[in-house]
PDB file of N, CA and C in Angstrom:
ATOM      1  N   MET A   1     -12.595 -14.538  -3.055  1.00  0.00           N
ATOM      2  CA  MET A   1     -12.535 -13.132  -2.718  1.00  0.00           C
ATOM      3  C   MET A   1     -11.198 -12.767  -2.102  1.00  0.00           C
ATOM      4  N   GLY A   2     -10.503 -13.672  -1.461  1.00  0.00           N
ATOM      5  CA  GLY A   2      -9.241 -13.333  -0.823  1.00  0.00           C
ATOM      6  C   GLY A   2      -9.426 -13.118   0.658  1.00  0.00           C
ATOM      7  N   SER A   3      -8.320 -12.976   1.357  1.00  0.00           N
ATOM      8  CA  SER A   3      -8.403 -12.832   2.806  1.00  0.00           C
ATOM      9  C   SER A   3      -8.602 -11.366   3.205  1.00  0.00           C
ATOM     10  N   LEU A   4      -9.077 -11.196   4.413  1.00  0.00           N
ATOM     11  CA  LEU A   4      -9.346  -9.872   4.972  1.00  0.00           C
ATOM     12  C   LEU A   4      -8.560  -9.715   6.257  1.00  0.00           C
ATOM     13  N   ARG A   5      -8.238  -8.489   6.626  1.00  0.00           N
ATOM     14  CA  ARG A   5      -7.593  -8.187   7.903  1.00  0.00           C
ATOM     15  C   ARG A   5      -8.539  -7.288   8.671  1.00  0.00           C
ATOM     16  N   LYS A   6      -8.741  -7.598   9.936  1.00  0.00           N
ATOM     17  CA  LYS A   6      -9.641  -6.820  10.779  1.00  0.00           C
ATOM     18  C   LYS A   6      -8.800  -6.028  11.778  1.00  0.00           C
ATOM     19  N   ILE A   7      -8.988  -4.705  11.792  1.00  0.00           N
ATOM     20  CA  ILE A   7      -8.273  -3.816  12.704  1.00  0.00           C
ATOM     21  C   ILE A   7      -9.294  -3.166  13.620  1.00  0.00           C
ATOM     22  N   GLN A   8      -9.023  -3.211  14.925  1.00  0.00           N
ATOM     23  CA  GLN A   8      -9.927  -2.550  15.853  1.00  0.00           C
ATOM     24  C   GLN A   8      -9.492  -1.108  16.033  1.00  0.00           C
ATOM     25  N   ARG A   9     -10.447  -0.193  15.884  1.00  0.00           N
ATOM     26  CA  ARG A   9     -10.199   1.231  16.069  1.00  0.00           C
ATOM     27  C   ARG A   9     -11.295   1.750  16.981  1.00  0.00           C
ATOM     28  N   ASP A  10     -10.910   2.100  18.196  1.00  0.00           N
ATOM     29  CA  ASP A  10     -11.866   2.456  19.239  1.00  0.00           C
ATOM     30  C   ASP A  10     -12.819   1.284  19.442  1.00  0.00           C
ATOM     31  N   LYS A  11     -14.112   1.492  19.239  1.00  0.00           N
ATOM     32  CA  LYS A  11     -15.077   0.404  19.418  1.00  0.00           C
ATOM     33  C   LYS A  11     -15.478  -0.226  18.094  1.00  0.00           C
ATOM     34  N   ASP A  12     -14.971   0.323  16.999  1.00  0.00           N
ATOM     35  CA  ASP A  12     -15.321  -0.172  15.673  1.00  0.00           C
ATOM     36  C   ASP A  12     -14.218  -1.058  15.113  1.00  0.00           C
ATOM     37  N   TYR A  13     -14.569  -1.801  14.074  1.00  0.00           N
ATOM     38  CA  TYR A  13     -13.594  -2.617  13.368  1.00  0.00           C
ATOM     39  C   TYR A  13     -13.510  -2.144  11.927  1.00  0.00           C
ATOM     40  N   ILE A  14     -12.323  -2.160  11.379  1.00  0.00           N
ATOM     41  CA  ILE A  14     -12.101  -1.783   9.996  1.00  0.00           C
ATOM     42  C   ILE A  14     -11.609  -3.022   9.267  1.00  0.00           C
ATOM     43  N   ILE A  15     -12.250  -3.343   8.173  1.00  0.00           N
ATOM     44  CA  ILE A  15     -11.884  -4.514   7.379  1.00  0.00           C
ATOM     45  C   ILE A  15     -11.055  -4.052   6.189  1.00  0.00           C
ATOM     46  N   GLN A  16      -9.899  -4.704   5.986  1.00  0.00           N
ATOM     47  CA  GLN A  16      -9.044  -4.389   4.851  1.00  0.00           C
ATOM     48  C   GLN A  16      -8.952  -5.611   3.938  1.00  0.00           C
ATOM     49  N   GLN A  17      -8.946  -5.375   2.633  1.00  0.00           N
ATOM     50  CA  GLN A  17      -8.872  -6.437   1.629  1.00  0.00           C
ATOM     51  C   GLN A  17      -7.417  -6.759   1.306  1.00  0.00           C
ATOM     52  N   PHE A  18      -7.077  -8.053   1.299  1.00  0.00           N
ATOM     53  CA  PHE A  18      -5.749  -8.508   0.901  1.00  0.00           C
ATOM     54  C   PHE A  18      -5.580  -8.292  -0.601  1.00  0.00           C
ATOM     55  N   THR A  19      -4.432  -7.764  -1.030  1.00  0.00           N
ATOM     56  CA  THR A  19      -4.196  -7.446  -2.439  1.00  0.00           C
ATOM     57  C   THR A  19      -3.714  -8.643  -3.257  1.00  0.00           C
ATOM     58  N   GLY A  20      -3.283  -9.690  -2.582  1.00  0.00           N
ATOM     59  CA  GLY A  20      -2.692 -10.830  -3.289  1.00  0.00           C
ATOM     60  C   GLY A  20      -1.187 -10.699  -3.415  1.00  0.00           C
ATOM     61  N   HIS A  21      -0.613  -9.636  -2.839  1.00  0.00           N
ATOM     62  CA  HIS A  21       0.826  -9.389  -2.924  1.00  0.00           C
ATOM     63  C   HIS A  21       1.449  -9.397  -1.535  1.00  0.00           C
ATOM     64  N   LYS A  22       2.751  -9.668  -1.499  1.00  0.00           N
ATOM     65  CA  LYS A  22       3.525  -9.602  -0.261  1.00  0.00           C
ATOM     66  C   LYS A  22       4.705  -8.676  -0.480  1.00  0.00           C
ATOM     67  N   ASP A  23       5.169  -8.059   0.625  1.00  0.00           N
ATOM     68  CA  ASP A  23       6.329  -7.164   0.505  1.00  0.00           C
ATOM     69  C   ASP A  23       7.616  -7.981   0.474  1.00  0.00           C
ATOM     70  N   LYS A  24       8.758  -7.294   0.467  1.00  0.00           N
ATOM     71  CA  LYS A  24      10.044  -7.975   0.343  1.00  0.00           C
ATOM     72  C   LYS A  24      10.340  -8.906   1.511  1.00  0.00           C
ATOM     73  N   ASN A  25       9.658  -8.699   2.645  1.00  0.00           N
ATOM     74  CA  ASN A  25       9.847  -9.546   3.824  1.00  0.00           C
ATOM     75  C   ASN A  25       8.793 -10.650   3.938  1.00  0.00           C
ATOM     76  N   GLY A  26       7.933 -10.755   2.925  1.00  0.00           N
ATOM     77  CA  GLY A  26       6.900 -11.784   2.941  1.00  0.00           C
ATOM     78  C   GLY A  26       5.637 -11.391   3.679  1.00  0.00           C
ATOM     79  N   LYS A  27       5.521 -10.129   4.104  1.00  0.00           N
ATOM     80  CA  LYS A  27       4.336  -9.643   4.820  1.00  0.00           C
ATOM     81  C   LYS A  27       3.214  -9.357   3.817  1.00  0.00           C
ATOM     82  N   GLU A  28       2.013  -9.823   4.112  1.00  0.00           N
ATOM     83  CA  GLU A  28       0.874  -9.584   3.227  1.00  0.00           C
ATOM     84  C   GLU A  28       0.564  -8.092   3.136  1.00  0.00           C
ATOM     85  N   VAL A  29       0.214  -7.639   1.930  1.00  0.00           N
ATOM     86  CA  VAL A  29      -0.098  -6.234   1.680  1.00  0.00           C
ATOM     87  C   VAL A  29      -1.611  -6.092   1.531  1.00  0.00           C
ATOM     88  N   TYR A  30      -2.206  -5.184   2.322  1.00  0.00           N
ATOM     89  CA  TYR A  30      -3.645  -4.956   2.326  1.00  0.00           C
ATOM     90  C   TYR A  30      -3.968  -3.546   1.846  1.00  0.00           C
ATOM     91  N   GLU A  31      -5.187  -3.374   1.355  1.00  0.00           N
ATOM     92  CA  GLU A  31      -5.665  -2.043   0.994  1.00  0.00           C
ATOM     93  C   GLU A  31      -5.595  -1.160   2.238  1.00  0.00           C
ATOM     94  N   GLY A  32      -5.049   0.047   2.082  1.00  0.00           N
ATOM     95  CA  GLY A  32      -4.898   0.960   3.212  1.00  0.00           C
ATOM     96  C   GLY A  32      -3.518   0.905   3.845  1.00  0.00           C
ATOM     97  N   ASP A  33      -2.684  -0.064   3.446  1.00  0.00           N
ATOM     98  CA  ASP A  33      -1.326  -0.121   3.968  1.00  0.00           C
ATOM     99  C   ASP A  33      -0.496   1.027   3.402  1.00  0.00           C
ATOM    100  N   ILE A  34       0.532   1.406   4.156  1.00  0.00           N
ATOM    101  CA  ILE A  34       1.519   2.369   3.691  1.00  0.00           C
ATOM    102  C   ILE A  34       2.791   1.578   3.403  1.00  0.00           C
ATOM    103  N   VAL A  35       3.322   1.793   2.200  1.00  0.00           N
ATOM    104  CA  VAL A  35       4.479   1.033   1.737  1.00  0.00           C
ATOM    105  C   VAL A  35       5.629   1.988   1.464  1.00  0.00           C
ATOM    106  N   HIS A  36       6.818   1.607   1.897  1.00  0.00           N
ATOM    107  CA  HIS A  36       8.032   2.354   1.590  1.00  0.00           C
ATOM    108  C   HIS A  36       8.700   1.601   0.444  1.00  0.00           C
ATOM    109  N   ASP A  37       8.889   2.259  -0.697  1.00  0.00           N
ATOM    110  CA  ASP A  37       9.365   1.545  -1.878  1.00  0.00           C
ATOM    111  C   ASP A  37      10.169   2.460  -2.789  1.00  0.00           C
ATOM    112  N   ARG A  38      10.887   1.861  -3.712  1.00  0.00           N
ATOM    113  CA  ARG A  38      11.656   2.609  -4.706  1.00  0.00           C
ATOM    114  C   ARG A  38      10.887   2.776  -6.003  1.00  0.00           C
ATOM    115  N   ILE A  39       9.751   2.159  -6.134  1.00  0.00           N
ATOM    116  CA  ILE A  39       8.962   2.269  -7.354  1.00  0.00           C
ATOM    117  C   ILE A  39       8.579   3.730  -7.546  1.00  0.00           C
ATOM    118  N   SER A  40       8.643   4.215  -8.760  1.00  0.00           N
ATOM    119  CA  SER A  40       8.314   5.608  -9.027  1.00  0.00           C
ATOM    120  C   SER A  40       7.667   5.735 -10.388  1.00  0.00           C
ATOM    121  N   ALA A  41       6.913   6.799 -10.570  1.00  0.00           N
ATOM    122  CA  ALA A  41       6.307   7.061 -11.870  1.00  0.00           C
ATOM    123  C   ALA A  41       7.381   7.364 -12.912  1.00  0.00           C
ATOM    124  N   MET A  42       8.540   7.835 -12.444  1.00  0.00           N
ATOM    125  CA  MET A  42       9.647   8.119 -13.349  1.00  0.00           C
ATOM    126  C   MET A  42      10.673   6.991 -13.231  1.00  0.00           C
ATOM    127  N   VAL A  43      10.979   6.334 -14.323  1.00  0.00           N
ATOM    128  CA  VAL A  43      11.879   5.184 -14.327  1.00  0.00           C
ATOM    129  C   VAL A  43      13.256   5.530 -13.763  1.00  0.00           C
ATOM    130  N   THR A  44      13.743   6.736 -13.997  1.00  0.00           N
ATOM    131  CA  THR A  44      15.080   7.124 -13.554  1.00  0.00           C
ATOM    132  C   THR A  44      15.129   7.562 -12.096  1.00  0.00           C
ATOM    133  N   ASP A  45      14.009   7.672 -11.439  1.00  0.00           N
ATOM    134  CA  ASP A  45      13.944   8.140 -10.056  1.00  0.00           C
ATOM    135  C   ASP A  45      14.004   6.940  -9.114  1.00  0.00           C
ATOM    136  N   HIS A  46      15.076   6.821  -8.344  1.00  0.00           N
ATOM    137  CA  HIS A  46      15.228   5.658  -7.465  1.00  0.00           C
ATOM    138  C   HIS A  46      15.145   6.011  -5.983  1.00  0.00           C
ATOM    139  N   ARG A  47      14.563   7.166  -5.650  1.00  0.00           N
ATOM    140  CA  ARG A  47      14.366   7.542  -4.254  1.00  0.00           C
ATOM    141  C   ARG A  47      13.347   6.611  -3.596  1.00  0.00           C
ATOM    142  N   MET A  48      13.483   6.441  -2.293  1.00  0.00           N
ATOM    143  CA  MET A  48      12.464   5.700  -1.554  1.00  0.00           C
ATOM    144  C   MET A  48      11.275   6.634  -1.361  1.00  0.00           C
ATOM    145  N   THR A  49      10.097   6.142  -1.612  1.00  0.00           N
ATOM    146  CA  THR A  49       8.882   6.940  -1.547  1.00  0.00           C
ATOM    147  C   THR A  49       7.835   6.182  -0.747  1.00  0.00           C
ATOM    148  N   ARG A  50       6.966   6.922  -0.065  1.00  0.00           N
ATOM    149  CA  ARG A  50       5.846   6.299   0.655  1.00  0.00           C
ATOM    150  C   ARG A  50       4.629   6.262  -0.253  1.00  0.00           C
ATOM    151  N   TYR A  51       3.972   5.114  -0.271  1.00  0.00           N
ATOM    152  CA  TYR A  51       2.767   4.915  -1.072  1.00  0.00           C
ATOM    153  C   TYR A  51       1.648   4.388  -0.182  1.00  0.00           C
ATOM    154  N   GLN A  52       0.438   4.759  -0.523  1.00  0.00           N
ATOM    155  CA  GLN A  52      -0.743   4.163   0.102  1.00  0.00           C
ATOM    156  C   GLN A  52      -1.309   3.152  -0.884  1.00  0.00           C
ATOM    157  N   VAL A  53      -1.617   1.971  -0.401  1.00  0.00           N
ATOM    158  CA  VAL A  53      -2.216   0.952  -1.250  1.00  0.00           C
ATOM    159  C   VAL A  53      -3.705   1.264  -1.383  1.00  0.00           C
ATOM    160  N   THR A  54      -4.148   1.493  -2.613  1.00  0.00           N
ATOM    161  CA  THR A  54      -5.551   1.821  -2.870  1.00  0.00           C
ATOM    162  C   THR A  54      -6.087   0.959  -4.005  1.00  0.00           C
ATOM    163  N   TYR A  55      -7.401   0.947  -4.156  1.00  0.00           N
ATOM    164  CA  TYR A  55      -8.034   0.223  -5.250  1.00  0.00           C
ATOM    165  C   TYR A  55      -8.398   1.230  -6.335  1.00  0.00           C
ATOM    166  N   ASN A  56      -7.934   0.980  -7.557  1.00  0.00           N
ATOM    167  CA  ASN A  56      -8.216   1.840  -8.689  1.00  0.00           C
ATOM    168  C   ASN A  56      -9.372   1.227  -9.479  1.00  0.00           C
ATOM    169  N   GLU A  57     -10.538   1.862  -9.432  1.00  0.00           N
ATOM    170  CA  GLU A  57     -11.729   1.315 -10.086  1.00  0.00           C
ATOM    171  C   GLU A  57     -11.617   1.306 -11.607  1.00  0.00           C
ATOM    172  N   THR A  58     -10.902   2.258 -12.173  1.00  0.00           N
ATOM    173  CA  THR A  58     -10.739   2.313 -13.631  1.00  0.00           C
ATOM    174  C   THR A  58     -10.053   1.063 -14.153  1.00  0.00           C
ATOM    175  N   TYR A  59      -9.014   0.613 -13.455  1.00  0.00           N
ATOM    176  CA  TYR A  59      -8.248  -0.555 -13.881  1.00  0.00           C
ATOM    177  C   TYR A  59      -8.637  -1.822 -13.135  1.00  0.00           C
ATOM    178  N   ALA A  60      -9.558  -1.707 -12.184  1.00  0.00           N
ATOM    179  CA  ALA A  60      -9.995  -2.841 -11.363  1.00  0.00           C
ATOM    180  C   ALA A  60      -8.789  -3.561 -10.774  1.00  0.00           C
ATOM    181  N   ALA A  61      -7.920  -2.778 -10.133  1.00  0.00           N
ATOM    182  CA  ALA A  61      -6.690  -3.343  -9.574  1.00  0.00           C
ATOM    183  C   ALA A  61      -6.222  -2.508  -8.387  1.00  0.00           C
ATOM    184  N   PHE A  62      -5.469  -3.148  -7.492  1.00  0.00           N
ATOM    185  CA  PHE A  62      -4.824  -2.419  -6.409  1.00  0.00           C
ATOM    186  C   PHE A  62      -3.591  -1.727  -6.976  1.00  0.00           C
ATOM    187  N   VAL A  63      -3.344  -0.489  -6.523  1.00  0.00           N
ATOM    188  CA  VAL A  63      -2.203   0.292  -6.991  1.00  0.00           C
ATOM    189  C   VAL A  63      -1.509   0.951  -5.804  1.00  0.00           C
ATOM    190  N   LEU A  64      -0.310   1.483  -6.060  1.00  0.00           N
ATOM    191  CA  LEU A  64       0.428   2.240  -5.072  1.00  0.00           C
ATOM    192  C   LEU A  64       0.245   3.717  -5.383  1.00  0.00           C
ATOM    193  N   GLN A  65      -0.454   4.432  -4.500  1.00  0.00           N
ATOM    194  CA  GLN A  65      -0.722   5.859  -4.670  1.00  0.00           C
ATOM    195  C   GLN A  65       0.389   6.637  -3.972  1.00  0.00           C
ATOM    196  N   ASP A  66       1.170   7.412  -4.708  1.00  0.00           N
ATOM    197  CA  ASP A  66       2.262   8.211  -4.143  1.00  0.00           C
ATOM    198  C   ASP A  66       1.666   9.259  -3.205  1.00  0.00           C
ATOM    199  N   ILE A  67       2.034   9.218  -1.945  1.00  0.00           N
ATOM    200  CA  ILE A  67       1.461  10.125  -0.944  1.00  0.00           C
ATOM    201  C   ILE A  67       1.863  11.568  -1.201  1.00  0.00           C
ATOM    202  N   GLY A  68       3.071  11.808  -1.633  1.00  0.00           N
ATOM    203  CA  GLY A  68       3.547  13.165  -1.825  1.00  0.00           C
ATOM    204  C   GLY A  68       3.116  13.815  -3.122  1.00  0.00           C
ATOM    205  N   LYS A  69       2.942  13.027  -4.185  1.00  0.00           N
ATOM    206  CA  LYS A  69       2.699  13.598  -5.502  1.00  0.00           C
ATOM    207  C   LYS A  69       1.316  13.319  -6.080  1.00  0.00           C
ATOM    208  N   GLY A  70       0.619  12.360  -5.544  1.00  0.00           N
ATOM    209  CA  GLY A  70      -0.705  12.053  -6.058  1.00  0.00           C
ATOM    210  C   GLY A  70      -0.720  11.116  -7.253  1.00  0.00           C
ATOM    211  N   CYS A  71       0.445  10.811  -7.839  1.00  0.00           N
ATOM    212  CA  CYS A  71       0.468   9.868  -8.956  1.00  0.00           C
ATOM    213  C   CYS A  71       0.472   8.435  -8.393  1.00  0.00           C
ATOM    214  N   TRP A  72       0.302   7.453  -9.240  1.00  0.00           N
ATOM    215  CA  TRP A  72       0.240   6.078  -8.767  1.00  0.00           C
ATOM    216  C   TRP A  72       1.081   5.162  -9.651  1.00  0.00           C
ATOM    217  N   ASN A  73       1.301   3.943  -9.167  1.00  0.00           N
ATOM    218  CA  ASN A  73       2.062   2.949  -9.905  1.00  0.00           C
ATOM    219  C   ASN A  73       1.475   1.573  -9.613  1.00  0.00           C
ATOM    220  N   TRP A  74       1.772   0.631 -10.479  1.00  0.00           N
ATOM    221  CA  TRP A  74       1.274  -0.741 -10.303  1.00  0.00           C
ATOM    222  C   TRP A  74       1.900  -1.379  -9.073  1.00  0.00           C
ATOM    223  N   ILE A  75       1.162  -2.235  -8.398  1.00  0.00           N
ATOM    224  CA  ILE A  75       1.613  -2.881  -7.172  1.00  0.00           C
ATOM    225  C   ILE A  75       2.402  -4.165  -7.451  1.00  0.00           C
ATOM    226  N   ARG A  76       2.398  -4.662  -8.652  1.00  0.00           N
ATOM    227  CA  ARG A  76       2.936  -5.993  -8.959  1.00  0.00           C
ATOM    228  C   ARG A  76       4.411  -6.197  -8.631  1.00  0.00           C
ATOM    229  N   ASN A  77       5.233  -5.155  -8.569  1.00  0.00           N
ATOM    230  CA  ASN A  77       6.662  -5.324  -8.302  1.00  0.00           C
ATOM    231  C   ASN A  77       7.040  -5.095  -6.847  1.00  0.00           C
ATOM    232  N   ILE A  78       6.074  -5.001  -5.979  1.00  0.00           N
ATOM    233  CA  ILE A  78       6.356  -4.668  -4.583  1.00  0.00           C
ATOM    234  C   ILE A  78       7.215  -5.713  -3.881  1.00  0.00           C
ATOM    235  N   SER A  79       7.101  -6.976  -4.242  1.00  0.00           N
ATOM    236  CA  SER A  79       7.828  -8.024  -3.533  1.00  0.00           C
ATOM    237  C   SER A  79       9.340  -7.912  -3.691  1.00  0.00           C
ATOM    238  N   SER A  80       9.820  -7.210  -4.703  1.00  0.00           N
ATOM    239  CA  SER A  80      11.259  -7.127  -4.927  1.00  0.00           C
ATOM    240  C   SER A  80      11.973  -6.153  -3.981  1.00  0.00           C
ATOM    241  N   HIS A  81      11.342  -5.039  -3.605  1.00  0.00           N
ATOM    242  CA  HIS A  81      12.025  -4.112  -2.701  1.00  0.00           C
ATOM    243  C   HIS A  81      11.118  -3.274  -1.822  1.00  0.00           C
ATOM    244  N   GLY A  82       9.818  -3.426  -1.878  1.00  0.00           N
ATOM    245  CA  GLY A  82       8.910  -2.640  -1.043  1.00  0.00           C
ATOM    246  C   GLY A  82       8.728  -3.236   0.338  1.00  0.00           C
ATOM    247  N   LYS A  83       8.374  -2.385   1.298  1.00  0.00           N
ATOM    248  CA  LYS A  83       8.182  -2.823   2.681  1.00  0.00           C
ATOM    249  C   LYS A  83       6.975  -2.118   3.292  1.00  0.00           C
ATOM    250  N   VAL A  84       6.055  -2.887   3.873  1.00  0.00           N
ATOM    251  CA  VAL A  84       4.906  -2.326   4.584  1.00  0.00           C
ATOM    252  C   VAL A  84       5.418  -1.691   5.873  1.00  0.00           C
ATOM    253  N   ILE A  85       5.087  -0.406   6.080  1.00  0.00           N
ATOM    254  CA  ILE A  85       5.537   0.290   7.292  1.00  0.00           C
ATOM    255  C   ILE A  85       4.384   0.673   8.210  1.00  0.00           C
ATOM    256  N   GLY A  86       3.163   0.352   7.830  1.00  0.00           N
ATOM    257  CA  GLY A  86       1.997   0.662   8.653  1.00  0.00           C
ATOM    258  C   GLY A  86       0.757   0.705   7.793  1.00  0.00           C
ATOM    259  N   ASN A  87      -0.325   1.245   8.349  1.00  0.00           N
ATOM    260  CA  ASN A  87      -1.558   1.421   7.579  1.00  0.00           C
ATOM    261  C   ASN A  87      -2.216   2.739   7.983  1.00  0.00           C
ATOM    262  N   ILE A  88      -3.144   3.180   7.151  1.00  0.00           N
ATOM    263  CA  ILE A  88      -3.749   4.506   7.340  1.00  0.00           C
ATOM    264  C   ILE A  88      -4.625   4.595   8.583  1.00  0.00           C
ATOM    265  N   PHE A  89      -5.031   3.469   9.135  1.00  0.00           N
ATOM    266  CA  PHE A  89      -5.933   3.476  10.284  1.00  0.00           C
ATOM    267  C   PHE A  89      -5.171   3.499  11.608  1.00  0.00           C
ATOM    268  N   GLU A  90      -4.075   2.761  11.686  1.00  0.00           N
ATOM    269  CA  GLU A  90      -3.290   2.708  12.917  1.00  0.00           C
ATOM    270  C   GLU A  90      -2.132   3.707  12.915  1.00  0.00           C
ATOM    271  N   ASN A  91      -1.742   4.179  11.724  1.00  0.00           N
ATOM    272  CA  ASN A  91      -0.611   5.097  11.590  1.00  0.00           C
ATOM    273  C   ASN A  91      -0.949   6.257  10.665  1.00  0.00           C
ATOM    274  N   PRO A  92      -1.976   7.064  10.934  1.00  0.00           N
ATOM    275  CA  PRO A  92      -2.376   8.139  10.032  1.00  0.00           C
ATOM    276  C   PRO A  92      -1.283   9.179   9.827  1.00  0.00           C
ATOM    277  N   GLU A  93      -0.333   9.283  10.764  1.00  0.00           N
ATOM    278  CA  GLU A  93       0.761  10.252  10.620  1.00  0.00           C
ATOM    279  C   GLU A  93       1.648   9.934   9.419  1.00  0.00           C
ATOM    280  N   LEU A  94       1.617   8.706   8.919  1.00  0.00           N
ATOM    281  CA  LEU A  94       2.432   8.333   7.756  1.00  0.00           C
ATOM    282  C   LEU A  94       1.915   8.951   6.460  1.00  0.00           C
ATOM    283  N   LEU A  95       0.711   9.504   6.492  1.00  0.00           N
ATOM    284  CA  LEU A  95       0.150  10.152   5.306  1.00  0.00           C
ATOM    285  C   LEU A  95       0.680  11.573   5.118  1.00  0.00           C
ATOM    286  N   LYS A  96       1.401  12.098   6.101  1.00  0.00           N
ATOM    287  CA  LYS A  96       1.913  13.476   6.033  1.00  0.00           C
ATOM    288  C   LYS A  96       3.266  13.521   5.379  1.00  0.00           C
TER     289      LYS A  96
END
């Protein structure tokens, strides 16, 4: 099944699933993480963009959901230049 990360939020715990990927610094990437990356739906667009790591049931895979545009991209290339900057539970302000 893979490893899990447990985050305490108030009196509750939130369990996040490990995606099997690491960022450019070797940090494990979990569902719910926010990633700063150059990956884009448009090949010619090389801006840094924030993505939320989500599970796509249609493809049965973890993907990078573009926070600003709603489109998504495959997570497989994250190790080359992406960086985990937080997660949606401890850093909800990163979703804005």
